[in-house]
C-alpha cells in the first residue's frame, strides 16, 4: 500500500506514510513543480502543453490535479528554458543555414519537442546538452598538422566535388568510419565552418549520388 501511494501520489519529502518517512520526491503536482523550477504556474502549464506533458484541452483544474514524474519533468523543463531555437542553430554550431536544415531533416540534430508532438512545428528548439554532445565529438577529431595541410579539404569542398552527400559524410565522420581532422586556424570559429573543420582527405572517392552541403 505504501509503495502504491508513493508511486502514484506527489508525496512531499519528509512526509510519513504508513510509519515510514519519505526521503525522495518521485512525483510533482503542477504547484510543487512550479516551485521546483521557479516558473509561474500559469506559464508552466502553457509550457507543459507545448512539451506534450499536459493535453491541450485540459482545464486549469484538470492541470492542477495532474502529477508529473520528478525524474523527467524537471530536467525537461530546465532544458527547454535554455534551449537553442532553430534560427540560432547556425551560429551555435558554426555552420551554414543549409547545413543546419540537412542535419535537422536527417535527424542528426533532434528537437526537444519531437516532430510529431504538440507544438513541434511552432516550437523547434534544441537542448544545449544534445548540441554540446555533438560538438564534443567534433572536438575529439585530431588537429590538422601544418605538414599535411595540403592533404585535406573542408567537408563542403569535398561534397561539391563528388565525395558524397554532406549528411552521409558527417555521420561517417562522427562514427569514425572515415578519417577527418579539425583545422586549427581560420576566420570561422565553429566546427563546421570552412576553415575550422572537419576536413577530409583528398583521397576520398567520388560518390555518384546527388550532392548537397
N, C-alpha and C. Protein backbone atom coordinates (compact mmCIF):
# COMPACT_ATOMS: atom_id res chain seq x y z
N UNK A 1 0.84 -1.20 0.00
CA UNK A 1 0.00 0.00 0.00
C UNK A 1 0.88 1.25 0.00
N UNK A 2 1.92 1.24 0.87
CA UNK A 2 2.80 2.40 0.95
C UNK A 2 3.48 2.66 -0.39
N UNK A 3 3.98 1.60 -1.03
CA UNK A 3 4.63 1.76 -2.33
C UNK A 3 3.67 2.32 -3.36
N UNK A 4 2.43 1.88 -3.33
CA UNK A 4 1.43 2.37 -4.28
C UNK A 4 1.19 3.87 -4.07
N UNK A 5 1.12 4.30 -2.82
CA UNK A 5 0.90 5.71 -2.53
C UNK A 5 2.06 6.54 -3.02
N UNK A 6 3.29 6.09 -2.76
CA UNK A 6 4.48 6.83 -3.16
C UNK A 6 4.61 6.90 -4.67
N UNK A 7 4.29 5.79 -5.35
CA UNK A 7 4.46 5.71 -6.79
C UNK A 7 3.40 6.48 -7.56
N UNK A 8 2.24 6.69 -6.94
CA UNK A 8 1.14 7.31 -7.68
C UNK A 8 0.67 8.62 -7.09
N UNK A 9 1.36 9.13 -6.10
CA UNK A 9 0.98 10.40 -5.49
C UNK A 9 2.20 11.30 -5.39
N UNK A 10 1.95 12.62 -5.40
CA UNK A 10 3.04 13.59 -5.27
C UNK A 10 3.33 13.82 -3.79
N UNK A 11 3.94 12.83 -3.16
CA UNK A 11 4.20 12.88 -1.73
C UNK A 11 5.43 13.74 -1.46
N UNK A 12 5.30 14.70 -0.55
CA UNK A 12 6.40 15.58 -0.20
C UNK A 12 7.47 14.82 0.59
N UNK A 13 8.77 15.09 0.30
CA UNK A 13 9.83 14.51 1.14
C UNK A 13 9.64 14.94 2.59
N UNK A 14 9.87 14.03 3.51
CA UNK A 14 9.66 14.31 4.92
C UNK A 14 8.30 13.86 5.42
N UNK A 15 7.41 13.50 4.48
CA UNK A 15 6.09 13.00 4.85
C UNK A 15 6.21 11.56 5.34
N UNK A 16 5.48 11.23 6.38
CA UNK A 16 5.46 9.86 6.89
C UNK A 16 4.24 9.14 6.32
N UNK A 17 4.49 8.03 5.62
CA UNK A 17 3.43 7.24 5.00
C UNK A 17 3.46 5.85 5.62
N UNK A 18 2.38 5.51 6.35
CA UNK A 18 2.26 4.20 7.00
C UNK A 18 3.50 3.88 7.83
N UNK A 19 3.95 4.88 8.58
CA UNK A 19 5.03 4.67 9.53
C UNK A 19 6.42 4.83 8.97
N UNK A 20 6.55 5.14 7.68
CA UNK A 20 7.88 5.29 7.07
C UNK A 20 8.01 6.69 6.48
N UNK A 21 9.12 7.37 6.79
CA UNK A 21 9.33 8.72 6.27
C UNK A 21 9.83 8.65 4.82
N UNK A 22 9.21 9.45 3.96
CA UNK A 22 9.60 9.53 2.56
C UNK A 22 10.74 10.53 2.42
N UNK A 23 11.85 10.10 1.85
CA UNK A 23 13.03 10.95 1.74
C UNK A 23 13.26 11.50 0.33
N UNK A 24 12.59 10.94 -0.66
CA UNK A 24 12.83 11.35 -2.05
C UNK A 24 11.51 11.59 -2.76
N UNK A 25 11.42 12.71 -3.47
CA UNK A 25 10.21 13.01 -4.24
C UNK A 25 10.26 12.26 -5.57
N UNK A 26 9.18 11.57 -5.86
CA UNK A 26 9.09 10.86 -7.12
C UNK A 26 8.17 11.55 -8.12
N UNK A 27 7.19 12.28 -7.60
CA UNK A 27 6.24 12.95 -8.48
C UNK A 27 6.01 14.38 -8.01
N UNK A 28 5.66 15.24 -8.97
CA UNK A 28 5.31 16.63 -8.68
C UNK A 28 3.87 16.89 -9.08
N UNK A 29 3.23 17.78 -8.35
CA UNK A 29 2.00 18.40 -8.84
C UNK A 29 2.43 19.63 -9.63
N UNK A 30 1.50 20.25 -10.31
CA UNK A 30 1.81 21.47 -11.03
C UNK A 30 2.34 22.54 -10.07
N UNK A 31 1.79 22.55 -8.85
CA UNK A 31 2.18 23.54 -7.86
C UNK A 31 3.60 23.31 -7.35
N UNK A 32 3.90 22.06 -7.00
CA UNK A 32 5.25 21.78 -6.48
C UNK A 32 6.29 21.89 -7.59
N UNK A 33 5.90 21.53 -8.81
CA UNK A 33 6.82 21.64 -9.94
C UNK A 33 7.12 23.11 -10.23
N UNK A 34 6.11 23.95 -10.08
CA UNK A 34 6.28 25.39 -10.27
C UNK A 34 7.32 25.93 -9.30
N UNK A 35 7.24 25.49 -8.05
CA UNK A 35 8.22 25.93 -7.04
C UNK A 35 9.61 25.39 -7.36
N UNK A 36 9.68 24.14 -7.84
CA UNK A 36 10.96 23.48 -8.08
C UNK A 36 11.75 24.15 -9.21
N UNK A 37 11.04 24.59 -10.26
CA UNK A 37 11.73 25.15 -11.42
C UNK A 37 11.66 26.68 -11.46
N UNK A 38 10.91 27.27 -10.53
CA UNK A 38 10.84 28.72 -10.45
C UNK A 38 10.08 29.38 -11.57
N UNK A 39 9.02 28.73 -12.04
CA UNK A 39 8.18 29.28 -13.12
C UNK A 39 6.75 29.42 -12.61
N UNK A 40 6.13 30.55 -12.91
CA UNK A 40 4.75 30.78 -12.53
C UNK A 40 3.86 29.65 -13.03
N UNK A 41 2.86 29.25 -12.23
CA UNK A 41 2.04 28.09 -12.57
C UNK A 41 1.34 28.21 -13.91
N UNK A 42 0.80 29.37 -14.21
CA UNK A 42 0.09 29.55 -15.49
C UNK A 42 1.05 29.39 -16.67
N UNK A 43 2.21 30.03 -16.54
CA UNK A 43 3.22 29.92 -17.60
C UNK A 43 3.74 28.50 -17.71
N UNK A 44 3.93 27.83 -16.57
CA UNK A 44 4.40 26.45 -16.56
C UNK A 44 3.40 25.53 -17.23
N UNK A 45 2.11 25.75 -16.98
CA UNK A 45 1.07 24.92 -17.60
C UNK A 45 1.12 25.08 -19.12
N UNK A 46 1.32 26.30 -19.60
CA UNK A 46 1.42 26.52 -21.05
C UNK A 46 2.66 25.82 -21.62
N UNK A 47 3.76 25.89 -20.88
CA UNK A 47 4.98 25.23 -21.31
C UNK A 47 4.81 23.72 -21.38
N UNK A 48 4.17 23.15 -20.37
CA UNK A 48 3.95 21.70 -20.35
C UNK A 48 3.03 21.25 -21.48
N UNK A 49 2.12 22.13 -21.89
CA UNK A 49 1.29 21.80 -23.04
C UNK A 49 2.13 21.78 -24.31
N UNK A 50 3.05 22.73 -24.43
CA UNK A 50 3.94 22.75 -25.59
C UNK A 50 4.79 21.49 -25.65
N UNK A 51 5.19 21.01 -24.47
CA UNK A 51 6.04 19.82 -24.40
C UNK A 51 5.26 18.53 -24.49
N UNK A 52 3.93 18.65 -24.54
CA UNK A 52 3.10 17.45 -24.66
C UNK A 52 2.85 16.74 -23.36
N UNK A 53 3.18 17.39 -22.23
CA UNK A 53 3.00 16.75 -20.92
C UNK A 53 1.59 16.98 -20.36
N UNK A 54 0.92 18.00 -20.86
CA UNK A 54 -0.47 18.28 -20.48
C UNK A 54 -1.29 18.37 -21.77
N UNK A 55 -2.44 17.70 -21.84
CA UNK A 55 -3.28 17.79 -23.04
C UNK A 55 -3.68 19.23 -23.33
N UNK A 56 -3.77 19.58 -24.60
CA UNK A 56 -4.13 20.95 -24.98
C UNK A 56 -5.48 21.37 -24.42
N UNK A 57 -6.40 20.42 -24.34
CA UNK A 57 -7.76 20.75 -23.93
C UNK A 57 -7.95 20.73 -22.41
N UNK A 58 -6.90 20.41 -21.65
CA UNK A 58 -7.03 20.32 -20.19
C UNK A 58 -7.36 21.68 -19.58
N UNK A 59 -8.29 21.68 -18.65
CA UNK A 59 -8.66 22.92 -17.97
C UNK A 59 -7.64 23.22 -16.87
N UNK A 60 -7.77 24.38 -16.26
CA UNK A 60 -6.86 24.75 -15.17
C UNK A 60 -6.98 23.78 -14.01
N UNK A 61 -8.22 23.37 -13.70
CA UNK A 61 -8.45 22.42 -12.60
C UNK A 61 -7.83 21.07 -12.94
N UNK A 62 -8.06 20.60 -14.16
CA UNK A 62 -7.51 19.30 -14.58
C UNK A 62 -5.98 19.32 -14.57
N UNK A 63 -5.40 20.42 -15.01
CA UNK A 63 -3.94 20.53 -14.99
C UNK A 63 -3.41 20.51 -13.56
N UNK A 64 -4.14 21.17 -12.66
CA UNK A 64 -3.73 21.21 -11.26
C UNK A 64 -3.81 19.88 -10.56
N UNK A 65 -4.63 18.97 -11.08
CA UNK A 65 -4.79 17.64 -10.48
C UNK A 65 -3.82 16.61 -11.04
N UNK A 66 -3.06 16.97 -12.06
CA UNK A 66 -2.14 16.03 -12.68
C UNK A 66 -0.86 15.90 -11.86
N UNK A 67 -0.18 14.77 -12.03
CA UNK A 67 1.12 14.57 -11.40
C UNK A 67 2.16 14.30 -12.49
N UNK A 68 3.40 14.68 -12.22
CA UNK A 68 4.47 14.59 -13.21
C UNK A 68 5.68 13.90 -12.60
N UNK A 69 6.29 13.02 -13.36
CA UNK A 69 7.46 12.28 -12.91
C UNK A 69 8.58 13.27 -12.62
N UNK A 70 9.06 13.29 -11.40
CA UNK A 70 10.09 14.26 -11.00
C UNK A 70 11.40 14.03 -11.74
N UNK A 71 11.71 12.77 -12.03
CA UNK A 71 13.00 12.45 -12.65
C UNK A 71 13.09 12.94 -14.09
N UNK A 72 11.95 13.10 -14.76
CA UNK A 72 11.98 13.52 -16.16
C UNK A 72 11.44 14.94 -16.38
N UNK A 73 10.49 15.36 -15.57
CA UNK A 73 9.85 16.65 -15.81
C UNK A 73 10.77 17.82 -15.52
N UNK A 74 11.51 17.77 -14.41
CA UNK A 74 12.39 18.89 -14.06
C UNK A 74 13.51 19.06 -15.10
N UNK A 75 14.25 17.99 -15.46
CA UNK A 75 15.28 18.16 -16.50
C UNK A 75 14.72 18.64 -17.82
N UNK A 76 13.51 18.17 -18.19
CA UNK A 76 12.90 18.57 -19.45
C UNK A 76 12.61 20.07 -19.47
N UNK A 77 12.05 20.56 -18.38
CA UNK A 77 11.72 21.99 -18.30
C UNK A 77 13.00 22.83 -18.27
N UNK A 78 13.98 22.40 -17.51
CA UNK A 78 15.24 23.15 -17.45
C UNK A 78 15.92 23.17 -18.82
N UNK A 79 15.84 22.07 -19.55
CA UNK A 79 16.42 22.02 -20.89
C UNK A 79 15.69 22.98 -21.83
N UNK A 80 14.38 23.05 -21.70
CA UNK A 80 13.58 23.92 -22.56
C UNK A 80 13.90 25.39 -22.28
N UNK A 81 14.14 25.72 -21.02
CA UNK A 81 14.42 27.11 -20.65
C UNK A 81 15.73 27.62 -21.27
N UNK A 82 16.67 26.73 -21.49
CA UNK A 82 17.97 27.13 -22.05
C UNK A 82 18.15 26.63 -23.48
N UNK A 83 17.08 26.16 -24.10
CA UNK A 83 17.18 25.56 -25.43
C UNK A 83 17.57 26.59 -26.49
N UNK A 84 18.13 26.08 -27.58
CA UNK A 84 18.56 26.92 -28.70
C UNK A 84 17.51 26.85 -29.80
N UNK A 85 16.93 27.99 -30.20
CA UNK A 85 15.94 27.97 -31.29
C UNK A 85 16.58 27.59 -32.62
N UNK A 86 15.77 27.07 -33.51
CA UNK A 86 16.26 26.66 -34.83
C UNK A 86 16.98 27.80 -35.54
N UNK A 87 16.45 29.01 -35.43
CA UNK A 87 17.05 30.15 -36.13
C UNK A 87 18.47 30.46 -35.63
N UNK A 88 18.78 30.06 -34.39
CA UNK A 88 20.10 30.34 -33.82
C UNK A 88 21.08 29.19 -33.98
N UNK A 89 20.61 28.09 -34.55
CA UNK A 89 21.46 26.90 -34.65
C UNK A 89 22.71 27.11 -35.50
N UNK A 90 22.63 27.82 -36.64
CA UNK A 90 23.86 28.03 -37.42
C UNK A 90 24.97 28.70 -36.60
N UNK A 91 24.61 29.73 -35.82
CA UNK A 91 25.62 30.40 -35.00
C UNK A 91 26.14 29.50 -33.90
N UNK A 92 25.26 28.71 -33.28
CA UNK A 92 25.67 27.86 -32.16
C UNK A 92 26.61 26.75 -32.64
N UNK A 93 26.31 26.17 -33.81
CA UNK A 93 27.13 25.07 -34.33
C UNK A 93 28.26 25.57 -35.21
N UNK A 94 28.20 26.84 -35.62
CA UNK A 94 29.22 27.35 -36.52
C UNK A 94 29.11 26.77 -37.91
N UNK A 95 27.88 26.66 -38.40
CA UNK A 95 27.65 26.07 -39.71
C UNK A 95 26.76 26.98 -40.54
N UNK A 96 26.43 26.55 -41.73
CA UNK A 96 25.55 27.33 -42.59
C UNK A 96 24.10 26.95 -42.33
N UNK A 97 23.20 27.84 -42.76
CA UNK A 97 21.77 27.56 -42.61
C UNK A 97 21.39 26.31 -43.38
N UNK A 98 21.97 26.15 -44.57
CA UNK A 98 21.69 24.97 -45.40
C UNK A 98 22.12 23.69 -44.69
N UNK A 99 23.30 23.71 -44.09
CA UNK A 99 23.78 22.51 -43.39
C UNK A 99 22.91 22.20 -42.18
N UNK A 100 22.44 23.23 -41.48
CA UNK A 100 21.52 23.02 -40.35
C UNK A 100 20.24 22.35 -40.83
N UNK A 101 19.71 22.81 -41.95
CA UNK A 101 18.49 22.22 -42.50
C UNK A 101 18.69 20.74 -42.79
N UNK A 102 19.87 20.40 -43.31
CA UNK A 102 20.17 19.00 -43.61
C UNK A 102 20.29 18.18 -42.33
N UNK A 103 21.02 18.70 -41.35
CA UNK A 103 21.19 17.99 -40.08
C UNK A 103 19.85 17.76 -39.40
N UNK A 104 18.97 18.75 -39.46
CA UNK A 104 17.64 18.64 -38.86
C UNK A 104 16.78 17.64 -39.62
N UNK A 105 16.77 17.76 -40.94
CA UNK A 105 15.96 16.87 -41.77
C UNK A 105 16.36 15.41 -41.61
N UNK A 106 17.65 15.17 -41.47
CA UNK A 106 18.15 13.80 -41.38
C UNK A 106 18.12 13.25 -39.96
N UNK A 107 17.66 14.06 -38.99
CA UNK A 107 17.57 13.58 -37.62
C UNK A 107 18.90 13.50 -36.90
N UNK A 108 19.90 14.24 -37.40
CA UNK A 108 21.21 14.25 -36.75
C UNK A 108 21.18 15.19 -35.56
N UNK A 109 20.48 16.31 -35.70
CA UNK A 109 20.18 17.17 -34.55
C UNK A 109 18.69 17.01 -34.27
N UNK A 110 18.35 16.68 -33.04
CA UNK A 110 16.98 16.33 -32.68
C UNK A 110 16.34 17.44 -31.84
N UNK A 111 15.14 17.89 -32.23
CA UNK A 111 14.46 18.93 -31.45
C UNK A 111 14.01 18.41 -30.10
N UNK A 112 13.91 19.32 -29.15
CA UNK A 112 13.49 18.96 -27.80
C UNK A 112 12.05 18.45 -27.81
N UNK A 113 11.19 19.10 -28.60
CA UNK A 113 9.81 18.63 -28.79
C UNK A 113 9.80 17.77 -30.04
N UNK A 114 9.49 16.46 -29.93
CA UNK A 114 9.50 15.59 -31.10
C UNK A 114 8.66 16.15 -32.24
N UNK A 115 9.07 15.88 -33.46
CA UNK A 115 8.39 16.44 -34.62
C UNK A 115 6.90 16.09 -34.66
N UNK A 116 6.56 14.94 -34.12
CA UNK A 116 5.16 14.50 -34.12
C UNK A 116 4.40 15.01 -32.90
N UNK A 117 5.08 15.67 -31.98
CA UNK A 117 4.44 16.12 -30.75
C UNK A 117 3.71 17.43 -30.93
N UNK A 118 2.84 17.75 -29.97
CA UNK A 118 2.12 19.02 -30.00
C UNK A 118 3.10 20.18 -29.90
N UNK A 119 2.92 21.16 -30.77
CA UNK A 119 3.78 22.32 -30.75
C UNK A 119 5.11 22.11 -31.43
N UNK A 120 5.30 20.96 -32.10
CA UNK A 120 6.60 20.65 -32.69
C UNK A 120 6.94 21.59 -33.84
N UNK A 121 5.94 22.08 -34.55
CA UNK A 121 6.20 22.96 -35.69
C UNK A 121 6.47 24.38 -35.21
N UNK A 122 5.72 24.84 -34.23
CA UNK A 122 5.86 26.22 -33.74
C UNK A 122 7.02 26.39 -32.78
N UNK A 123 7.45 25.32 -32.14
CA UNK A 123 8.47 25.45 -31.10
C UNK A 123 9.63 24.50 -31.38
N UNK A 124 10.37 24.79 -32.47
CA UNK A 124 11.51 23.97 -32.84
C UNK A 124 12.73 24.50 -32.09
N UNK A 125 13.07 23.85 -31.00
CA UNK A 125 14.21 24.23 -30.19
C UNK A 125 15.03 22.98 -29.87
N UNK A 126 16.29 23.19 -29.51
CA UNK A 126 17.20 22.07 -29.30
C UNK A 126 17.90 22.21 -27.96
N UNK A 127 17.96 21.11 -27.23
CA UNK A 127 18.61 21.11 -25.92
C UNK A 127 20.11 21.38 -26.10
N UNK A 128 20.64 22.27 -25.28
CA UNK A 128 22.06 22.58 -25.36
C UNK A 128 22.93 21.35 -25.10
N UNK A 129 22.48 20.49 -24.20
CA UNK A 129 23.27 19.29 -23.88
C UNK A 129 23.41 18.39 -25.11
N UNK A 130 22.33 18.30 -25.90
CA UNK A 130 22.35 17.49 -27.12
C UNK A 130 23.32 18.09 -28.14
N UNK A 131 23.24 19.41 -28.33
CA UNK A 131 24.13 20.08 -29.27
C UNK A 131 25.58 20.02 -28.80
N UNK A 132 25.79 20.18 -27.50
CA UNK A 132 27.15 20.15 -26.97
C UNK A 132 27.78 18.78 -27.11
N UNK A 133 26.97 17.73 -27.00
CA UNK A 133 27.49 16.37 -27.20
C UNK A 133 27.99 16.22 -28.64
N UNK A 134 27.25 16.81 -29.58
CA UNK A 134 27.66 16.74 -30.98
C UNK A 134 28.96 17.52 -31.19
N UNK A 135 29.05 18.68 -30.58
CA UNK A 135 30.26 19.49 -30.71
C UNK A 135 31.47 18.81 -30.07
N UNK A 136 31.24 18.08 -29.00
CA UNK A 136 32.34 17.38 -28.33
C UNK A 136 32.92 16.29 -29.24
N UNK A 137 32.04 15.65 -30.02
CA UNK A 137 32.52 14.62 -30.94
C UNK A 137 33.43 15.23 -32.00
N UNK A 138 33.05 16.42 -32.48
CA UNK A 138 33.90 17.11 -33.44
C UNK A 138 35.22 17.53 -32.79
N UNK A 139 35.12 18.00 -31.54
CA UNK A 139 36.32 18.45 -30.84
C UNK A 139 37.30 17.32 -30.60
N UNK A 140 36.83 16.08 -30.63
CA UNK A 140 37.71 14.93 -30.41
C UNK A 140 38.52 14.56 -31.65
N UNK A 141 38.19 15.15 -32.80
CA UNK A 141 38.96 14.87 -34.01
C UNK A 141 40.37 15.41 -33.85
N UNK A 142 41.36 14.73 -34.42
CA UNK A 142 42.73 15.23 -34.32
C UNK A 142 42.89 16.55 -35.07
N UNK A 143 43.82 17.36 -34.61
CA UNK A 143 44.09 18.65 -35.25
C UNK A 143 44.91 18.45 -36.51
N UNK A 144 44.57 19.20 -37.56
CA UNK A 144 45.33 19.13 -38.80
C UNK A 144 46.75 19.65 -38.57
N UNK A 145 47.73 18.87 -39.00
CA UNK A 145 49.13 19.26 -38.84
C UNK A 145 49.59 20.10 -40.04
N UNK A 146 50.34 21.16 -39.79
CA UNK A 146 50.81 22.02 -40.89
C UNK A 146 51.54 21.24 -41.99
N UNK A 147 52.22 20.18 -41.60
CA UNK A 147 52.98 19.40 -42.58
C UNK A 147 52.08 18.66 -43.56
N UNK A 148 50.79 18.51 -43.20
CA UNK A 148 49.87 17.76 -44.06
C UNK A 148 48.70 18.63 -44.49
N UNK A 149 48.89 19.95 -44.47
CA UNK A 149 47.79 20.89 -44.76
C UNK A 149 47.20 20.67 -46.15
N UNK A 150 48.03 20.31 -47.10
CA UNK A 150 47.56 20.17 -48.47
C UNK A 150 46.88 18.83 -48.72
N UNK A 151 46.87 17.97 -47.73
CA UNK A 151 46.26 16.66 -47.92
C UNK A 151 44.80 16.59 -47.56
N UNK A 152 44.22 17.72 -47.08
CA UNK A 152 42.83 17.72 -46.65
C UNK A 152 42.08 18.92 -47.24
N UNK A 153 40.77 18.74 -47.36
CA UNK A 153 39.88 19.81 -47.82
C UNK A 153 38.70 19.93 -46.86
N UNK A 154 38.06 21.12 -46.78
CA UNK A 154 36.84 21.26 -45.97
C UNK A 154 35.76 20.30 -46.47
N UNK A 155 34.89 19.87 -45.57
CA UNK A 155 33.84 18.92 -45.93
C UNK A 155 32.94 19.48 -47.02
N UNK A 156 32.63 20.79 -46.99
CA UNK A 156 31.77 21.38 -48.01
C UNK A 156 32.44 21.32 -49.38
N UNK A 157 33.75 21.51 -49.40
CA UNK A 157 34.52 21.44 -50.64
C UNK A 157 34.44 20.02 -51.22
N UNK A 158 34.63 19.02 -50.36
CA UNK A 158 34.59 17.64 -50.82
C UNK A 158 33.20 17.25 -51.33
N UNK A 159 32.15 17.76 -50.66
CA UNK A 159 30.78 17.47 -51.11
C UNK A 159 30.56 17.99 -52.53
N UNK A 160 31.02 19.20 -52.78
CA UNK A 160 30.83 19.83 -54.08
C UNK A 160 31.60 19.13 -55.19
N UNK A 161 32.62 18.38 -54.80
CA UNK A 161 33.46 17.73 -55.81
C UNK A 161 33.30 16.22 -55.85
N UNK A 162 32.15 15.75 -55.35
CA UNK A 162 31.78 14.36 -55.58
C UNK A 162 32.13 13.35 -54.52
N UNK A 163 32.58 13.79 -53.33
CA UNK A 163 32.93 12.81 -52.30
C UNK A 163 31.70 12.17 -51.67
N UNK A 164 30.56 12.85 -51.73
CA UNK A 164 29.33 12.30 -51.13
C UNK A 164 28.44 13.39 -50.60
N UNK A 165 27.27 13.01 -50.14
CA UNK A 165 26.34 13.96 -49.57
C UNK A 165 26.83 14.40 -48.19
N UNK A 166 26.54 15.64 -47.84
CA UNK A 166 27.01 16.20 -46.58
C UNK A 166 26.62 15.34 -45.39
N UNK A 167 25.33 14.93 -45.32
CA UNK A 167 24.87 14.19 -44.16
C UNK A 167 25.55 12.82 -44.04
N UNK A 168 25.80 12.18 -45.19
CA UNK A 168 26.46 10.87 -45.14
C UNK A 168 27.89 11.01 -44.66
N UNK A 169 28.60 12.01 -45.20
CA UNK A 169 29.98 12.23 -44.78
C UNK A 169 30.04 12.60 -43.30
N UNK A 170 29.11 13.45 -42.88
CA UNK A 170 29.12 13.89 -41.49
C UNK A 170 28.89 12.72 -40.54
N UNK A 171 27.90 11.88 -40.84
CA UNK A 171 27.62 10.72 -39.99
C UNK A 171 28.83 9.78 -39.96
N UNK A 172 29.45 9.57 -41.12
CA UNK A 172 30.61 8.69 -41.18
C UNK A 172 31.77 9.25 -40.35
N UNK A 173 31.90 10.58 -40.33
CA UNK A 173 32.95 11.21 -39.51
C UNK A 173 32.68 10.97 -38.04
N UNK A 174 31.43 11.23 -37.63
CA UNK A 174 31.05 11.07 -36.22
C UNK A 174 31.24 9.63 -35.76
N UNK A 175 30.93 8.68 -36.64
CA UNK A 175 31.03 7.26 -36.29
C UNK A 175 32.43 6.70 -36.51
N UNK A 176 33.34 7.53 -36.96
CA UNK A 176 34.72 7.10 -37.13
C UNK A 176 34.96 6.21 -38.33
N UNK A 177 34.04 6.26 -39.31
CA UNK A 177 34.18 5.39 -40.48
C UNK A 177 35.12 5.96 -41.53
N UNK A 178 35.29 7.28 -41.54
CA UNK A 178 36.25 7.88 -42.46
C UNK A 178 37.12 8.84 -41.65
N UNK A 179 38.38 9.01 -42.03
CA UNK A 179 39.27 9.91 -41.28
C UNK A 179 38.90 11.37 -41.51
N UNK A 180 39.08 12.18 -40.52
CA UNK A 180 38.83 13.61 -40.63
C UNK A 180 39.66 14.32 -39.57
N UNK A 181 39.90 15.59 -39.80
CA UNK A 181 40.68 16.40 -38.86
C UNK A 181 40.00 17.75 -38.67
N UNK A 182 40.45 18.47 -37.64
CA UNK A 182 40.00 19.84 -37.42
C UNK A 182 41.10 20.79 -37.86
N UNK A 183 40.68 21.89 -38.49
CA UNK A 183 41.67 22.90 -38.89
C UNK A 183 41.86 23.87 -37.73
N UNK A 184 43.08 24.17 -37.34
CA UNK A 184 43.32 24.98 -36.13
C UNK A 184 43.12 26.47 -36.31
N UNK A 185 43.09 26.96 -37.55
CA UNK A 185 43.01 28.40 -37.76
C UNK A 185 41.94 28.75 -38.78
N UNK A 186 41.70 30.03 -38.94
CA UNK A 186 40.77 30.49 -39.95
C UNK A 186 39.75 31.46 -39.40
N UNK A 187 38.98 32.08 -40.28
CA UNK A 187 38.02 33.10 -39.85
C UNK A 187 36.83 32.54 -39.10
N UNK A 188 36.48 31.28 -39.34
CA UNK A 188 35.34 30.69 -38.67
C UNK A 188 35.73 30.09 -37.34
N UNK A 189 34.85 30.18 -36.36
CA UNK A 189 35.16 29.61 -35.04
C UNK A 189 34.40 28.32 -34.79
N UNK A 190 33.38 28.04 -35.59
CA UNK A 190 32.57 26.84 -35.38
C UNK A 190 33.21 25.61 -36.01
N UNK A 191 32.81 24.44 -35.57
CA UNK A 191 33.43 23.20 -36.03
C UNK A 191 33.11 22.84 -37.48
N UNK A 192 32.07 23.48 -38.07
CA UNK A 192 31.73 23.13 -39.44
C UNK A 192 32.14 24.21 -40.44
N UNK A 193 32.64 25.33 -39.96
CA UNK A 193 32.99 26.41 -40.86
C UNK A 193 34.17 25.99 -41.74
N UNK A 194 34.30 26.66 -42.87
CA UNK A 194 35.19 26.17 -43.91
C UNK A 194 36.66 26.10 -43.50
N UNK A 195 37.06 26.85 -42.49
CA UNK A 195 38.46 26.81 -42.11
C UNK A 195 38.70 26.24 -40.72
N UNK A 196 37.68 25.66 -40.10
CA UNK A 196 37.92 25.10 -38.77
C UNK A 196 37.54 23.63 -38.68
N UNK A 197 37.03 23.05 -39.74
CA UNK A 197 36.81 21.61 -39.76
C UNK A 197 35.36 21.24 -39.73
N UNK A 198 35.03 19.92 -39.85
CA UNK A 198 36.04 18.90 -40.13
C UNK A 198 36.55 18.95 -41.56
N UNK A 199 37.79 18.55 -41.73
CA UNK A 199 38.39 18.46 -43.05
C UNK A 199 38.56 16.98 -43.39
N UNK A 200 38.45 16.68 -44.69
CA UNK A 200 38.52 15.30 -45.15
C UNK A 200 39.74 15.09 -46.05
N UNK A 201 40.22 13.85 -46.13
CA UNK A 201 41.35 13.57 -47.02
C UNK A 201 40.96 13.80 -48.47
N UNK A 202 41.89 14.26 -49.27
CA UNK A 202 41.62 14.46 -50.69
C UNK A 202 41.39 13.14 -51.42
N UNK A 203 41.81 12.05 -50.82
CA UNK A 203 41.76 10.76 -51.50
C UNK A 203 40.38 10.12 -51.50
N UNK A 204 39.36 10.78 -50.89
CA UNK A 204 38.02 10.20 -50.89
C UNK A 204 37.53 10.00 -52.31
N UNK A 205 36.92 8.85 -52.57
CA UNK A 205 36.42 8.56 -53.91
C UNK A 205 35.08 9.26 -54.14
N UNK A 206 34.83 9.75 -55.35
CA UNK A 206 33.55 10.41 -55.64
C UNK A 206 32.38 9.47 -55.43
N UNK A 207 31.27 10.04 -54.99
CA UNK A 207 30.02 9.31 -54.79
C UNK A 207 29.07 9.72 -55.89
N UNK A 208 28.45 8.77 -56.61
CA UNK A 208 27.58 9.13 -57.73
C UNK A 208 26.25 9.75 -57.34
N UNK A 209 25.87 9.69 -56.05
CA UNK A 209 24.58 10.24 -55.62
C UNK A 209 24.60 11.76 -55.67
N UNK A 210 23.41 12.41 -55.76
CA UNK A 210 23.35 13.88 -55.80
C UNK A 210 24.03 14.48 -54.60
N UNK A 211 24.68 15.62 -54.80
CA UNK A 211 25.45 16.24 -53.73
C UNK A 211 24.67 17.40 -53.11
N UNK A 212 25.02 17.73 -51.88
CA UNK A 212 24.50 18.92 -51.22
C UNK A 212 25.48 19.34 -50.16
N UNK A 213 25.17 20.39 -49.42
CA UNK A 213 26.03 20.83 -48.34
C UNK A 213 26.71 22.14 -48.67
